[in-house]
Each structure stands twice: as structure tokens, then as C-alpha cells.
Amino acid sequence: MDFLNELQWRGMLHDSTPGLDNFLTSAPTTGYIGFDPTAPSMTIGNFVQIMLLTFWQKSGHQPIVLMGGATGRIGDPSFKDQERSLKSYDELDNNLAHQTKQMEKLLDFDGPNAAILVNNLDFYREMNILQFLRDVGKTLTVSYMMSKDSVKKRLETGLSFTEFSYQLLQAYDFQRLYEDHGCRVQMGGSDQWGNITSGTEFIRRNLTDAKAYACTTPLLTKSDGSKFGKSEAGNIWLDPELTSPYEFYQFWLNADDRDLPKFLRYFTLKSQEEVEALEQEHGSNPRQLKALLAEELTVRVHSEDDFTAVKKVSNLLFNKKAGADDLNSLDAASLKMVAGEIPSFTISRDLIANGVSLIDLMAEHTTMVASKSEARRAIQNNAVSINKEKVSSVDATATSEHLLHGRFVMVENGKKNKFILMAE
């Protein structure tokens, strides 16, 4: 795999410094991307950069994941309208530990060009302010730093010295990785171009005969112009507790048709020939192509078992012929996914353990229906079922025997009104 050619056909190359193409064809090398742990999980915005490292590694180069244990404490001003709120050290450390586990799942940390994980807090832990000002702050001039778009755009709205110094820290990170690991290339999103090129300049000024390179990708945006980021609403997280595997799968399945070519090229591991063949085959049915991408990504980000569970949940929710056997085949995690997709209610475990009238359950302990008389009519009309089993008697009760995995009950009123009850 030729790294830059790979990025080109995928539409993932935004900018690079002169000479990078020749440098990469001379021999395998080391490159890095930095990730600040300011959010509890990686997002699909981060996933773009993870894919960049994946293609880098598949091209025979060695990737470094630089976790921002230090820079996350400062806050990157790049193209933010206002000062970031600083996170507590405990929150940042917890985020970093969790994101590290996510990285270890998504990149290859074994083999001849195994990924390396570095925490930049190690660069600064023993450095005092005077050493920082002498060794780091002396390299770049204020005028050079202020010429960066990411800084200029914040001068009118306000920029603290804390965030202004971020550029210096990222530049010094690059120098340390150059010296410690022979890292010659820094990559990132297009919003990082100013910080990254500050690093190449930092190395040029401080290290004799040293040459470093930069490469950036476009920021991931949707067809409506909205973007993905840790602070953006409606984000898609790579953590099952923040975005369930079902929601993750459905995001790709329901993506705008206009976004599909970009999403497919950014995130699939399939080759150019395979992608183009799939587009040719499914050109008249983009939903089938979305389903293939959704399956690939759900398996990679979550697991094969999670994808199987997602398919079972989808079958239960959308297949009119799904019955009791389909419901009973779901594990507790899958039923929790179902509860996140349809109206759900929490009920007392004692209530159902002692047996509760189904009419009372529907009308008084939940809001499945507006009144007891409505619940009675629904049962008389053969419209109500518990756990996919029709209820024929208005005297029916829900008991602990109905609890699936000791917690869940599914109640349906007609073909479209599905509810999950969770006993606590």
C-alpha cells in the first residue's frame, strides 16, 4: 500500500508538506497523531485519525499514538469560538485510560511495525516553568505563533496564555518523538495544520540537519455541513455505553445517501477495486451498501457478537413475524439495546414479584394507555401480548415468571406499540 496514494483515492488527503511523497517512498518510517483525552470516549471524528494510522501501518510504516495527558490539561484553541472549560485531572486520567483501551482494540500493537502508545505527560512531568520557557518557549516567536489561523481567529473573542501555549507544547511533543523514536511525520485533521507545521519548524530550528513532515485529512462533515466532534450534539461514540452497538449500526444504515461515498472511503478497509466494484453492484440500492459498511464497522469497533445481537434486535423491532423464540434468544445486553430504541418504563421488582394486574400495569404503573378502560378494550380486542404471547383475559397478571434475564418484560399493544419494562 502506498500511503499518500491510498489517501488520495479515499479523498482523505487535505494537505502535506513538500517532499513527503519522496520521503515515504525511500524507506519505512515512523509517524504520529495526538489525541487529547478531553472526552470520555473516542468518537467517529477520532475514528478518521485512527483510520489514518491504520493505513499508515498497512503501508509498512510504524504508528505512534500520542495520548495528550499534558495537552489535555491545557486545551487546544484550534478553531474554537471560545475558551475551553478545563477538565479535572482525575477526569482526564480516567478518559485517557479508557481511550487507551479503545486504541489497543483498533490498532495493531504487535508485529514488526507495531503501534507505540506514548503519553505526553511524561515529557513535562519533571519540567518546571523556567525550564519550559528556556527550552521550549524560546524557539518560536510570538509573531510566528500569532500568524496561525487557529490563533488569529480567537484574538477578537479572547485567547488566554494557557491556550496560546498549546502550540508550543504540541511542537515540543513532535521534537521529543523525533528524538526518542525517530518520528519524522505528524498527521492530524486539517484544523491541526498550524500546530503541526509549528512542530516541523520547531524541529528545524532546534535539531541540526533535521527534517520533519506534516500531513492532514479533511475534517469529517455530513452533507448538511454539520461536523462530528467531541463537543458536537448528536455525536457517535466508539463506546457501547454512550452509543449502543445498535445505535452505531443504525447510524451507518440510515446515513444520507450523499454521505455514503465519503463514509465508505474513509472507514472501510476494502481496497479501491473492491469499493468501486461494490458501488457498481449496488448503485441502484445504496441501502445494501450501507448495510455492508455498517456490518464491517460494527464488527471492528464492537465485536462479531455485538453485530449478531444487533441483527437480532433489528429483527425483533422490524420483522412483523418475529415471535417469542426471537425474543427469548436475546441476551440481557440485547434487551437493554431494545429498551433504548422503544418506549421503556422502570417498575418495582416487588410489584411484579407479587403479581400485578396487566390492566393496572398498563394504565397506572406506566403510560402505555391512558386509562384502565382503554387497556381492557385492547385486551378484549386481542391486541395485547406479553413477551410475544397474546393475552386473552382481562384478569391476566404480570408476574416474576415473565421477567427475561430476571429484569425485562416486553408488552405490545397492537402491531406498532411496543414497550419494554425493566424491573429494579
Protein backbone atom coordinates (compact mmCIF):
# COMPACT_ATOMS: atom_id res chain seq x y z
CA MET A 1 0.00 0.00 0.00
CA ASP A 2 1.30 3.45 -0.97
CA PHE A 3 0.22 5.73 1.86
CA LEU A 4 -0.34 9.01 0.01
CA ASN A 5 -1.94 7.30 -2.98
CA GLU A 6 -4.23 5.48 -0.58
CA LEU A 7 -5.29 8.78 0.97
CA GLN A 8 -5.74 10.37 -2.45
CA TRP A 9 -8.29 7.90 -3.81
CA ARG A 10 -10.12 7.86 -0.50
CA GLY A 11 -10.41 11.67 -0.51
CA MET A 12 -8.56 11.79 2.81
CA LEU A 13 -5.59 13.97 1.85
CA HIS A 14 -6.09 17.64 2.67
CA ASP A 15 -2.53 18.96 2.80
CA SER A 16 1.07 17.83 3.19
CA THR A 17 4.46 19.48 3.38
CA PRO A 18 6.76 19.43 0.33
CA GLY A 19 8.88 16.35 -0.11
CA LEU A 20 6.71 13.99 1.92
CA ASP A 21 5.91 11.79 -1.09
CA ASN A 22 9.58 11.22 -1.93
CA PHE A 23 10.47 10.69 1.72
CA LEU A 24 7.83 7.99 2.21
CA THR A 25 8.98 6.01 -0.83
CA SER A 26 12.60 5.89 0.40
CA ALA A 27 12.08 3.61 3.43
CA PRO A 28 9.56 2.75 6.16
CA THR A 29 9.38 5.47 8.80
CA THR A 30 7.52 6.48 11.95
CA GLY A 31 4.64 8.92 12.20
CA TYR A 32 2.23 10.01 14.90
CA ILE A 33 -1.14 11.52 15.68
CA GLY A 34 -2.04 13.14 19.00
CA PHE A 35 -5.31 12.55 20.86
CA ASP A 36 -6.33 14.72 23.80
CA PRO A 37 -8.48 12.85 26.38
CA THR A 38 -10.99 15.66 26.91
CA ALA A 39 -13.98 13.36 26.28
CA PRO A 40 -14.94 10.08 27.94
CA SER A 41 -14.55 8.12 24.69
CA MET A 42 -13.27 8.30 21.14
CA THR A 43 -15.81 9.41 18.53
CA ILE A 44 -16.14 8.74 14.82
CA GLY A 45 -14.36 12.06 14.35
CA ASN A 46 -11.39 10.46 16.11
CA PHE A 47 -12.00 7.33 14.05
CA VAL A 48 -10.91 9.24 10.94
CA GLN A 49 -7.49 9.70 12.53
CA ILE A 50 -7.43 6.09 13.71
CA MET A 51 -8.07 5.05 10.11
CA LEU A 52 -5.20 7.31 9.05
CA LEU A 53 -2.89 5.45 11.43
CA THR A 54 -4.31 2.15 10.18
CA PHE A 55 -3.48 2.99 6.54
CA TRP A 56 -0.07 4.26 7.70
CA GLN A 57 0.59 0.92 9.39
CA LYS A 58 -0.68 -1.09 6.41
CA SER A 59 1.77 0.88 4.24
CA GLY A 60 4.63 -0.60 6.26
CA HIS A 61 5.23 2.42 8.50
CA GLN A 62 5.16 2.48 12.29
CA PRO A 63 2.39 4.49 14.00
CA ILE A 64 2.70 6.29 17.31
CA VAL A 65 -0.43 7.15 19.27
CA LEU A 66 0.37 10.17 21.42
CA MET A 67 -2.13 10.49 24.24
CA GLY A 68 -2.38 14.05 25.49
CA GLY A 69 -2.07 13.59 29.22
CA ALA A 70 -0.41 17.01 29.29
CA THR A 71 -2.01 18.89 26.38
CA GLY A 72 -5.45 17.76 27.51
CA ARG A 73 -4.84 19.74 30.70
CA ILE A 74 -4.32 22.92 28.63
CA GLY A 75 -6.96 22.87 25.88
CA ASP A 76 -6.43 23.32 22.16
CA PRO A 77 -7.80 26.65 20.84
CA SER A 78 -7.82 25.48 17.21
CA PHE A 79 -10.95 26.84 15.53
CA LYS A 80 -12.93 27.00 18.76
CA ASP A 81 -15.06 30.10 19.26
CA GLN A 82 -14.32 30.41 22.94
CA GLU A 83 -12.06 29.22 25.73
CA ARG A 84 -12.48 25.58 26.66
CA SER A 85 -13.55 24.62 30.16
CA LEU A 86 -10.66 22.83 31.84
CA LYS A 87 -11.29 19.26 32.92
CA SER A 88 -10.19 17.94 36.30
CA TYR A 89 -7.03 15.85 36.36
CA ASP A 90 -9.00 12.82 37.61
CA GLU A 91 -11.47 13.08 34.72
CA LEU A 92 -8.67 13.45 32.18
CA ASP A 93 -6.78 10.47 33.61
CA ASN A 94 -9.91 8.29 33.53
CA ASN A 95 -10.65 9.38 29.96
CA LEU A 96 -7.08 8.63 28.92
CA ALA A 97 -7.16 5.14 30.44
CA HIS A 98 -10.40 4.33 28.64
CA GLN A 99 -9.29 5.76 25.30
CA THR A 100 -6.06 3.80 25.57
CA LYS A 101 -8.08 0.56 25.73
CA GLN A 102 -10.07 1.67 22.68
CA MET A 103 -6.85 2.32 20.77
CA GLU A 104 -5.45 -1.08 21.69
CA LYS A 105 -8.54 -2.66 20.15
CA LEU A 106 -8.49 -0.66 16.91
CA LEU A 107 -4.76 -0.62 16.05
CA ASP A 108 -2.22 -3.43 15.79
CA PHE A 109 0.24 -3.28 18.70
CA ASP A 110 2.05 -6.47 17.63
CA GLY A 111 4.31 -7.32 14.72
CA PRO A 112 7.32 -5.74 13.01
CA ASN A 113 5.79 -2.25 12.75
CA ALA A 114 3.68 -2.46 15.90
CA ALA A 115 1.95 0.69 17.07
CA ILE A 116 3.50 2.52 20.01
CA LEU A 117 1.49 4.38 22.63
CA VAL A 118 3.08 7.38 24.37
CA ASN A 119 1.66 9.78 26.98
CA ASN A 120 2.99 13.32 26.53
CA LEU A 121 2.58 13.98 30.24
CA ASP A 122 5.85 12.05 30.56
CA PHE A 123 7.60 14.88 28.64
CA TYR A 124 6.54 17.55 31.12
CA ARG A 125 6.06 15.78 34.44
CA GLU A 126 9.51 16.76 35.74
CA MET A 127 9.84 20.04 33.78
CA ASN A 128 9.46 23.29 35.74
CA ILE A 129 8.24 26.58 34.30
CA LEU A 130 11.72 28.07 33.92
CA GLN A 131 12.96 25.05 32.00
CA PHE A 132 9.89 25.18 29.77
CA LEU A 133 10.40 28.87 28.99
CA ARG A 134 14.12 28.38 28.24
CA ASP A 135 13.96 25.11 26.29
CA VAL A 136 10.54 25.35 24.65
CA GLY A 137 9.29 28.92 24.78
CA LYS A 138 12.45 30.38 23.25
CA THR A 139 12.16 28.53 19.95
CA LEU A 140 9.15 30.14 18.27
CA THR A 141 8.47 33.88 18.16
CA VAL A 142 5.15 35.37 19.22
CA SER A 143 4.66 36.81 15.73
CA TYR A 144 5.15 33.33 14.19
CA MET A 145 2.64 31.79 16.58
CA MET A 146 0.11 34.57 16.02
CA SER A 147 0.27 34.08 12.26
CA LYS A 148 -1.55 30.76 12.61
CA ASP A 149 -5.22 30.89 11.63
CA SER A 150 -6.22 28.94 14.73
CA VAL A 151 -4.81 31.79 16.86
CA LYS A 152 -5.83 34.75 14.70
CA LYS A 153 -9.47 33.73 14.75
CA ARG A 154 -9.52 33.81 18.54
CA LEU A 155 -7.82 37.13 19.16
CA GLU A 156 -11.03 39.14 18.95
CA THR A 157 -13.07 36.84 21.18
CA GLY A 158 -10.25 36.26 23.67
CA LEU A 159 -7.37 33.83 23.99
CA SER A 160 -5.70 33.02 27.30
CA PHE A 161 -1.98 32.44 27.61
CA THR A 162 -2.89 28.89 28.64
CA GLU A 163 -4.42 28.05 25.26
CA PHE A 164 -1.89 30.21 23.40
CA SER A 165 0.86 27.98 24.82
CA TYR A 166 -0.79 24.82 23.41
CA GLN A 167 1.02 25.35 20.11
CA LEU A 168 4.38 25.22 21.91
CA LEU A 169 3.52 22.00 23.70
CA GLN A 170 2.43 20.26 20.52
CA ALA A 171 5.58 21.45 18.73
CA TYR A 172 7.78 20.17 21.56
CA ASP A 173 5.88 16.85 21.52
CA PHE A 174 6.96 16.38 17.91
CA GLN A 175 10.59 17.12 18.77
CA ARG A 176 10.56 14.63 21.65
CA LEU A 177 9.09 11.91 19.45
CA TYR A 178 11.65 12.74 16.75
CA GLU A 179 14.49 12.36 19.25
CA ASP A 180 13.10 9.39 21.21
CA HIS A 181 11.53 7.32 18.42
CA GLY A 182 12.89 8.70 15.15
CA CYS A 183 9.41 10.04 14.35
CA ARG A 184 9.56 12.09 11.17
CA VAL A 185 5.90 12.68 10.30
CA GLN A 186 3.00 14.20 12.22
CA MET A 187 -0.54 13.69 10.96
CA GLY A 188 -3.94 15.01 12.00
CA GLY A 189 -7.10 16.79 10.97
CA SER A 190 -6.95 19.92 8.83
CA ASP A 191 -7.71 22.06 11.91
CA GLN A 192 -4.31 20.96 13.28
CA TRP A 193 -2.25 22.23 10.32
CA GLY A 194 -0.98 25.28 12.22
CA ASN A 195 0.06 23.28 15.27
CA ILE A 196 1.65 20.54 13.16
CA THR A 197 3.70 22.88 10.99
CA SER A 198 4.82 24.68 14.14
CA GLY A 199 6.28 21.32 15.11
CA THR A 200 8.16 20.91 11.83
CA GLU A 201 9.56 24.43 12.26
CA PHE A 202 10.44 23.71 15.89
CA ILE A 203 12.46 20.67 14.84
CA ARG A 204 14.17 22.58 12.01
CA ARG A 205 15.34 25.26 14.43
CA ASN A 206 16.40 23.02 17.31
CA LEU A 207 17.88 19.89 15.73
CA THR A 208 20.84 20.03 13.38
CA ASP A 209 20.13 18.76 9.84
CA ALA A 210 16.70 17.52 10.93
CA LYS A 211 13.75 17.40 8.57
CA ALA A 212 10.20 16.64 9.63
CA TYR A 213 6.97 16.42 7.64
CA ALA A 214 3.25 17.07 8.05
CA CYS A 215 0.09 15.54 6.60
CA THR A 216 -3.56 16.34 7.29
CA THR A 217 -7.01 14.98 6.44
CA PRO A 218 -10.23 16.95 5.84
CA LEU A 219 -12.48 17.26 8.86
CA LEU A 220 -15.36 14.80 8.72
CA THR A 221 -18.60 16.58 7.87
CA LYS A 222 -22.05 15.42 6.83
CA SER A 223 -23.82 16.51 3.65
CA ASP A 224 -25.76 19.15 5.58
CA GLY A 225 -22.48 20.79 6.60
CA SER A 226 -22.56 19.69 10.24
CA LYS A 227 -19.46 18.09 11.68
CA PHE A 228 -18.54 15.44 14.18
CA GLY A 229 -16.53 16.32 17.25
CA LYS A 230 -16.29 15.61 20.94
CA SER A 231 -18.36 18.71 21.77
CA GLU A 232 -20.90 18.39 18.96
CA ALA A 233 -24.51 17.37 19.60
CA GLY A 234 -25.68 14.01 18.31
CA ASN A 235 -22.20 12.57 18.27
CA ILE A 236 -21.45 8.94 17.55
CA TRP A 237 -19.17 7.47 20.20
CA LEU A 238 -17.00 4.37 19.94
CA ASP A 239 -18.16 3.27 23.39
CA PRO A 240 -21.18 0.93 23.74
CA GLU A 241 -22.36 2.72 26.89
CA LEU A 242 -22.52 6.10 25.11
CA THR A 243 -23.66 4.87 21.68
CA SER A 244 -25.03 1.33 21.77
CA PRO A 245 -23.91 -1.10 19.07
CA TYR A 246 -27.48 -0.95 17.74
CA GLU A 247 -27.42 2.87 17.51
CA PHE A 248 -23.96 2.67 15.95
CA TYR A 249 -25.15 0.21 13.32
CA GLN A 250 -28.29 2.23 12.62
CA PHE A 251 -26.25 5.43 12.14
CA TRP A 252 -24.44 3.94 9.15
CA LEU A 253 -27.55 2.20 7.86
CA ASN A 254 -29.55 5.45 7.92
CA ALA A 255 -26.79 7.75 6.65
CA ASP A 256 -27.71 10.22 3.94
CA ASP A 257 -27.11 8.68 0.51
CA ARG A 258 -24.95 11.71 -0.32
CA ASP A 259 -22.59 10.86 2.55
CA LEU A 260 -22.15 7.21 1.58
CA PRO A 261 -19.22 7.60 -0.87
CA LYS A 262 -17.24 9.60 1.71
CA PHE A 263 -18.08 7.31 4.64
CA LEU A 264 -17.23 4.22 2.62
CA ARG A 265 -13.83 5.57 1.55
CA TYR A 266 -12.91 6.95 4.97
CA PHE A 267 -13.82 3.92 7.04
CA THR A 268 -13.70 0.67 5.09
CA LEU A 269 -10.59 -1.49 4.94
CA LYS A 270 -11.60 -2.68 1.49
CA SER A 271 -9.35 -1.79 -1.45
CA GLN A 272 -10.14 0.74 -4.18
CA GLU A 273 -11.05 -2.07 -6.57
CA GLU A 274 -13.39 -3.67 -4.03
CA VAL A 275 -15.08 -0.36 -3.19
CA GLU A 276 -15.64 0.55 -6.81
CA ALA A 277 -16.97 -2.93 -7.57
CA LEU A 278 -19.42 -2.69 -4.67
CA GLU A 279 -20.59 0.74 -5.81
CA GLN A 280 -21.12 -0.65 -9.30
CA GLU A 281 -23.04 -3.64 -7.97
CA HIS A 282 -25.23 -1.72 -5.52
CA GLY A 283 -25.54 1.60 -7.33
CA SER A 284 -29.31 1.27 -7.54
CA ASN A 285 -29.64 0.07 -3.94
CA PRO A 286 -27.47 2.22 -1.65
CA ARG A 287 -29.12 0.73 1.44
CA GLN A 288 -27.44 -2.59 0.70
CA LEU A 289 -24.08 -0.83 0.50
CA LYS A 290 -24.79 0.96 3.78
CA ALA A 291 -25.62 -2.38 5.38
CA LEU A 292 -22.26 -3.82 4.30
CA LEU A 293 -20.40 -0.80 5.73
CA ALA A 294 -22.49 -0.88 8.92
CA GLU A 295 -21.65 -4.56 9.42
CA GLU A 296 -17.92 -4.05 8.83
CA LEU A 297 -17.68 -1.12 11.25
CA THR A 298 -19.89 -2.65 13.95
CA VAL A 299 -17.73 -5.77 13.98
CA ARG A 300 -14.48 -3.78 14.05
CA VAL A 301 -15.47 -1.18 16.64
CA HIS A 302 -17.56 -3.50 18.80
CA SER A 303 -17.46 -7.24 18.01
CA GLU A 304 -18.90 -10.05 15.93
CA ASP A 305 -21.15 -10.97 18.86
CA ASP A 306 -22.43 -7.39 19.09
CA PHE A 307 -23.23 -7.40 15.39
CA THR A 308 -25.15 -10.67 15.79
CA ALA A 309 -27.08 -9.10 18.68
CA VAL A 310 -27.81 -6.01 16.61
CA LYS A 311 -29.29 -8.15 13.84
CA LYS A 312 -31.47 -9.95 16.37
CA VAL A 313 -32.67 -6.65 17.84
CA SER A 314 -33.44 -5.32 14.35
CA ASN A 315 -35.38 -8.49 13.59
CA LEU A 316 -37.40 -8.15 16.80
CA LEU A 317 -38.24 -4.50 16.17
CA PHE A 318 -38.94 -4.56 12.45
CA ASN A 319 -39.89 -8.10 11.43
CA LYS A 320 -43.67 -8.44 11.82
CA LYS A 321 -43.27 -12.21 12.01
CA ALA A 322 -40.83 -12.13 14.96
CA GLY A 323 -42.18 -14.27 17.77
CA ALA A 324 -41.46 -15.50 21.27
CA ASP A 325 -38.48 -17.58 20.16
CA ASP A 326 -36.85 -14.48 18.65
CA LEU A 327 -37.41 -12.53 21.87
CA ASN A 328 -36.15 -15.34 24.09
CA SER A 329 -32.97 -15.64 22.01
CA LEU A 330 -31.84 -12.18 23.12
CA ASP A 331 -29.36 -11.83 25.96
CA ALA A 332 -29.63 -9.12 28.64
CA ALA A 333 -27.35 -6.71 26.74
CA SER A 334 -29.51 -7.05 23.63
CA LEU A 335 -32.69 -6.41 25.61
CA LYS A 336 -31.05 -3.31 27.01
CA MET A 337 -30.47 -2.20 23.40
CA VAL A 338 -34.17 -2.78 22.70
CA ALA A 339 -35.07 -0.68 25.75
CA GLY A 340 -33.05 2.16 24.29
CA GLU A 341 -34.95 2.07 20.99
CA ILE A 342 -38.59 1.81 22.08
CA PRO A 343 -40.54 3.37 24.98
CA SER A 344 -39.44 1.81 28.24
CA PHE A 345 -40.51 2.03 31.86
CA THR A 346 -38.85 1.17 35.15
CA ILE A 347 -41.08 -0.71 37.55
CA SER A 348 -40.63 -2.01 41.06
CA ARG A 349 -39.32 -5.55 41.25
CA ASP A 350 -41.64 -6.15 44.23
CA LEU A 351 -44.64 -5.07 42.16
CA ILE A 352 -44.16 -7.72 39.54
CA ALA A 353 -42.88 -10.32 42.00
CA ASN A 354 -46.22 -10.15 43.83
CA GLY A 355 -48.14 -10.25 40.55
CA VAL A 356 -49.79 -7.16 39.12
CA SER A 357 -52.91 -6.84 37.02
CA LEU A 358 -51.95 -6.25 33.40
CA ILE A 359 -54.64 -3.58 33.16
CA ASP A 360 -53.18 -1.76 36.20
CA LEU A 361 -49.66 -2.19 34.82
CA MET A 362 -50.59 -0.60 31.51
CA ALA A 363 -52.73 2.24 32.88
CA GLU A 364 -51.47 3.07 36.39
CA HIS A 365 -47.84 1.98 36.71
CA THR A 366 -46.88 3.05 33.19
CA THR A 367 -48.35 5.30 30.49
CA MET A 368 -48.83 2.60 27.85
CA VAL A 369 -52.51 3.54 27.71
CA ALA A 370 -54.50 6.49 29.01
CA SER A 371 -56.97 4.57 31.16
CA LYS A 372 -57.96 1.18 32.52
CA SER A 373 -60.93 1.05 30.16
CA GLU A 374 -58.59 1.54 27.20
CA ALA A 375 -56.38 -1.29 28.47
CA ARG A 376 -59.43 -3.52 28.93
CA ARG A 377 -60.64 -2.84 25.38
CA ALA A 378 -57.19 -3.54 23.95
CA ILE A 379 -57.10 -6.94 25.69
CA GLN A 380 -60.64 -7.77 24.59
CA ASN A 381 -59.68 -6.89 21.00
CA ASN A 382 -56.79 -9.39 21.20
CA ALA A 383 -54.26 -6.57 20.69
CA VAL A 384 -52.10 -7.07 23.80
CA SER A 385 -49.24 -9.52 24.27
CA ILE A 386 -46.62 -10.16 26.94
CA ASN A 387 -43.28 -11.41 25.70
CA LYS A 388 -44.84 -12.10 22.27
CA GLU A 389 -47.62 -14.25 23.79
CA LYS A 390 -51.18 -12.99 23.22
CA VAL A 391 -53.24 -12.13 26.31
CA SER A 392 -56.87 -13.22 26.13
CA SER A 393 -58.15 -12.50 29.64
CA VAL A 394 -58.78 -9.07 31.19
CA ASP A 395 -57.83 -10.69 34.52
CA ALA A 396 -54.30 -11.51 33.31
CA THR A 397 -51.39 -10.62 35.57
CA ALA A 398 -47.72 -9.98 35.03
CA THR A 399 -45.50 -11.93 37.42
CA SER A 400 -41.82 -12.57 38.02
CA GLU A 401 -42.13 -15.54 35.64
CA HIS A 402 -42.43 -13.03 32.82
CA LEU A 403 -39.06 -11.43 33.64
CA LEU A 404 -36.48 -12.18 30.96
CA HIS A 405 -32.98 -12.45 32.43
CA GLY A 406 -34.57 -11.51 35.74
CA ARG A 407 -35.32 -7.98 34.63
CA PHE A 408 -37.09 -7.36 31.29
CA VAL A 409 -40.69 -7.71 30.11
CA MET A 410 -41.94 -6.82 26.65
CA VAL A 411 -45.53 -5.64 26.29
CA GLU A 412 -47.17 -4.89 22.95
CA ASN A 413 -50.44 -3.11 22.25
CA GLY A 414 -51.20 -3.60 18.58
CA LYS A 415 -48.64 -4.02 15.83
CA LYS A 416 -46.79 -0.74 16.32
CA ASN A 417 -46.86 -0.02 20.07
CA LYS A 418 -44.00 -1.91 21.70
CA PHE A 419 -42.79 -1.30 25.26
CA ILE A 420 -40.04 -2.66 27.49
CA LEU A 421 -40.47 -2.82 31.26
CA MET A 422 -37.34 -3.04 33.42
CA ALA A 423 -37.67 -4.30 36.99
CA GLU A 424 -35.45 -2.68 39.60
